[in-house]
N, C-alpha and C. Protein backbone atom coordinates (compact mmCIF):
# COMPACT_ATOMS: atom_id res chain seq x y z
N MET A 1 101.05 110.88 86.33
CA MET A 1 101.20 110.75 85.31
C MET A 1 99.85 109.96 84.77
N GLU A 2 99.33 110.22 83.68
CA GLU A 2 97.88 109.09 83.16
C GLU A 2 98.24 107.91 82.68
N ARG A 3 97.37 107.07 83.16
CA ARG A 3 97.97 105.29 82.79
C ARG A 3 96.10 104.87 81.79
N ILE A 4 97.12 104.39 80.94
CA ILE A 4 95.80 103.56 79.96
C ILE A 4 95.39 102.02 80.34
N PRO A 5 94.44 102.23 80.97
CA PRO A 5 93.96 100.66 80.96
C PRO A 5 94.10 99.88 79.90
N VAL A 6 94.59 98.29 79.89
CA VAL A 6 94.84 97.58 78.83
C VAL A 6 93.78 96.48 79.11
N LYS A 7 94.07 95.80 77.98
CA LYS A 7 93.30 94.46 78.00
C LYS A 7 94.31 92.99 78.05
N SER A 8 94.79 92.58 79.07
CA SER A 8 96.10 91.58 79.54
C SER A 8 95.50 91.10 81.02
N SER A 9 95.70 89.99 80.78
CA SER A 9 95.82 88.87 82.03
C SER A 9 96.58 89.51 83.41
N PHE A 10 97.74 89.79 83.10
CA PHE A 10 99.26 90.42 83.65
C PHE A 10 98.99 91.85 83.86
N ILE A 11 98.61 93.03 83.25
CA ILE A 11 98.90 93.91 83.30
C ILE A 11 97.08 94.76 83.28
N GLU A 12 97.54 95.64 84.49
CA GLU A 12 96.04 96.59 84.36
C GLU A 12 95.88 97.92 84.00
N SER A 13 97.32 98.33 83.80
CA SER A 13 97.04 99.47 83.11
C SER A 13 98.77 100.19 83.04
N ILE A 14 99.03 101.04 81.70
CA ILE A 14 100.32 101.48 81.43
C ILE A 14 100.21 103.19 81.21
N GLY A 15 101.18 103.90 81.34
CA GLY A 15 101.66 104.99 81.49
C GLY A 15 102.83 105.46 81.02
N TYR A 16 102.98 106.64 80.32
CA TYR A 16 104.18 106.98 79.32
C TYR A 16 104.57 108.55 79.53
N GLU A 17 105.35 108.97 80.02
CA GLU A 17 105.60 110.14 79.83
C GLU A 17 107.08 110.56 79.97
N SER A 18 107.83 111.42 79.06
CA SER A 18 109.63 111.75 79.11
C SER A 18 109.96 110.81 79.54
N GLY A 19 109.98 109.30 78.63
CA GLY A 19 111.24 108.58 78.86
C GLY A 19 110.54 108.02 80.59
N THR A 20 109.70 107.94 80.90
CA THR A 20 109.48 106.96 81.84
C THR A 20 108.02 106.27 81.60
N LEU A 21 108.49 104.62 81.88
CA LEU A 21 106.61 104.23 81.71
C LEU A 21 106.70 103.91 82.64
N GLU A 22 105.41 103.75 83.48
CA GLU A 22 104.75 103.26 84.70
C GLU A 22 103.72 102.41 84.33
N VAL A 23 103.90 100.90 84.97
CA VAL A 23 103.44 99.75 84.79
C VAL A 23 102.48 99.21 85.89
N THR A 24 100.93 99.19 85.99
CA THR A 24 100.28 98.45 87.20
C THR A 24 99.92 97.45 86.81
N PHE A 25 100.57 96.59 87.90
CA PHE A 25 100.27 94.67 87.28
C PHE A 25 98.56 94.34 88.42
N LYS A 26 98.26 93.20 87.16
CA LYS A 26 96.86 92.95 88.00
C LYS A 26 97.00 92.39 89.37
N ASP A 27 98.26 92.20 90.02
CA ASP A 27 98.08 91.69 91.20
C ASP A 27 98.64 93.22 92.15
N GLY A 28 98.47 94.44 91.68
CA GLY A 28 98.92 95.40 92.37
C GLY A 28 99.59 96.21 92.54
N GLY A 29 100.87 95.50 92.06
CA GLY A 29 102.01 96.20 91.96
C GLY A 29 102.25 97.09 90.86
N MET A 30 102.92 98.21 91.19
CA MET A 30 103.49 99.63 90.11
C MET A 30 104.59 99.72 90.41
N TYR A 31 105.20 99.87 89.01
CA TYR A 31 106.57 99.86 88.96
C TYR A 31 106.90 101.33 88.10
N LYS A 32 107.61 101.71 88.16
CA LYS A 32 108.03 102.85 87.38
C LYS A 32 109.53 102.43 86.24
N TYR A 33 109.95 102.54 84.95
CA TYR A 33 110.67 102.30 84.68
C TYR A 33 111.17 103.27 83.71
N ILE A 34 112.39 103.66 83.69
CA ILE A 34 113.52 104.66 83.59
C ILE A 34 113.79 104.58 82.47
N ASP A 35 114.15 105.38 81.58
CA ASP A 35 114.74 105.78 80.19
C ASP A 35 114.50 104.99 79.30
N VAL A 36 113.03 104.75 79.03
CA VAL A 36 112.29 103.62 77.85
C VAL A 36 112.30 104.64 76.91
N PRO A 37 112.45 104.10 75.55
CA PRO A 37 112.09 105.19 74.36
C PRO A 37 110.96 104.95 74.00
N ARG A 38 110.33 106.24 73.55
CA ARG A 38 108.70 106.25 73.13
C ARG A 38 108.69 104.92 72.07
N GLU A 39 109.65 104.68 71.40
CA GLU A 39 109.46 103.44 70.16
C GLU A 39 109.59 102.29 70.98
N THR A 40 109.74 102.00 71.98
CA THR A 40 109.51 100.73 72.87
C THR A 40 108.07 100.68 73.23
N TYR A 41 108.06 102.04 74.08
CA TYR A 41 106.39 102.23 74.52
C TYR A 41 105.48 101.67 73.30
N GLU A 42 105.63 102.60 72.39
CA GLU A 42 104.55 102.62 71.08
C GLU A 42 104.25 100.86 71.01
N SER A 43 105.74 100.28 70.62
CA SER A 43 105.81 98.95 70.41
C SER A 43 104.75 98.12 71.33
N VAL A 44 105.16 98.31 72.90
CA VAL A 44 104.41 97.79 73.66
C VAL A 44 103.03 97.71 73.24
N MET A 45 102.68 98.91 73.48
CA MET A 45 100.92 99.19 73.25
C MET A 45 100.09 98.87 72.13
N GLY A 46 100.94 98.49 71.01
CA GLY A 46 100.59 97.91 69.42
C GLY A 46 100.83 96.68 69.49
N ALA A 47 101.22 96.01 70.47
CA ALA A 47 101.80 94.42 70.43
C ALA A 47 100.13 93.69 70.88
N GLU A 48 100.41 92.72 70.02
CA GLU A 48 98.74 91.27 70.11
C GLU A 48 98.98 91.01 71.97
N SER A 49 100.18 90.85 72.28
CA SER A 49 100.11 90.73 74.17
C SER A 49 100.65 91.55 74.27
N ILE A 50 100.44 92.63 75.24
CA ILE A 50 100.94 93.63 75.70
C ILE A 50 101.44 92.81 76.71
N GLY A 51 100.98 92.10 77.89
CA GLY A 51 102.06 91.58 78.37
C GLY A 51 103.24 90.61 78.52
N LYS A 52 102.88 90.09 76.98
CA LYS A 52 104.60 89.24 76.51
C LYS A 52 105.30 90.65 76.21
N ALA A 53 104.38 91.52 75.63
CA ALA A 53 105.83 92.65 74.93
C ALA A 53 106.38 93.23 76.31
N VAL A 54 105.58 93.29 77.57
CA VAL A 54 106.09 94.28 78.33
C VAL A 54 107.33 93.30 79.11
N ARG A 55 106.97 92.20 79.24
CA ARG A 55 108.15 90.99 79.60
C ARG A 55 109.36 90.78 78.47
N GLU A 56 109.19 91.32 77.19
CA GLU A 56 110.17 90.98 76.38
C GLU A 56 110.90 92.14 76.08
N ASN A 57 110.30 93.23 76.10
CA ASN A 57 110.96 94.56 75.97
C ASN A 57 111.41 95.65 77.28
N ILE A 58 110.69 95.22 78.16
CA ILE A 58 110.84 96.28 79.05
C ILE A 58 111.37 94.91 80.45
N LEU A 59 110.90 94.38 80.77
CA LEU A 59 111.27 93.79 81.88
C LEU A 59 112.81 92.87 81.95
N LYS A 60 112.84 92.31 80.37
CA LYS A 60 114.20 91.92 80.10
C LYS A 60 115.39 92.53 79.74
N GLU A 61 114.92 93.76 79.19
CA GLU A 61 115.83 94.67 78.80
C GLU A 61 116.48 95.54 79.87
N GLY A 62 116.58 95.43 81.09
CA GLY A 62 117.07 96.00 82.29
C GLY A 62 117.11 97.38 82.13
N PHE A 63 116.01 98.10 82.06
CA PHE A 63 115.99 99.44 82.16
C PHE A 63 115.81 100.02 83.89
N GLY A 64 116.38 101.10 84.16
CA GLY A 64 116.22 101.17 85.55
C GLY A 64 114.85 101.32 85.98
N VAL A 65 114.86 100.81 87.27
CA VAL A 65 113.27 100.66 87.96
C VAL A 65 113.22 100.77 89.15
N GLU A 66 112.11 101.43 89.45
CA GLU A 66 111.89 101.71 91.12
C GLU A 66 110.43 101.46 91.18
N LYS A 67 109.73 101.06 92.51
CA LYS A 67 108.43 100.23 92.97
C LYS A 67 108.05 101.23 92.99
N ILE A 68 106.93 101.64 93.05
CA ILE A 68 105.73 103.08 93.29
C ILE A 68 104.87 102.37 94.50
N GLU A 69 105.02 103.12 95.66
CA GLU A 69 104.17 102.41 96.56
C GLU A 69 103.06 103.28 96.65
N PRO A 70 101.96 102.76 96.96
CA PRO A 70 100.39 103.19 97.06
C PRO A 70 100.76 104.16 97.95
N GLU A 71 99.99 105.50 97.43
CA GLU A 71 99.71 106.50 98.55
C GLU A 71 98.46 105.96 99.38
N VAL A 72 98.83 106.61 100.67
CA VAL A 72 98.12 106.33 101.83
C VAL A 72 97.16 107.59 102.21
N LEU A 73 95.93 107.36 102.08
CA LEU A 73 94.85 108.35 102.49
C LEU A 73 94.64 108.31 103.59
N GLU A 74 94.27 109.93 104.10
CA GLU A 74 94.30 109.98 105.52
C GLU A 74 92.79 110.44 105.52
N ILE A 75 91.68 110.00 106.59
CA ILE A 75 90.67 110.16 106.38
C ILE A 75 90.51 110.98 107.86
N GLU A 76 89.90 111.63 107.87
CA GLU A 76 89.73 112.90 109.01
C GLU A 76 88.22 112.58 109.77
């Protein structure tokens, strides 16, 4: 999924596809939120404070969540 870099002190980038929202936080954590309505995604992306919008509209709303583990690259 393509993630869009955002201006936030809390969040690095956000991606959205077919009801799944992926958020990469500045601390390196990556999470996938399930069954997020497109309207919620658009509201977050249009907010003056994207970090606050994610806290209020995603983290506190109880969407299903999965931690995304970083891929390990093997060097040959």
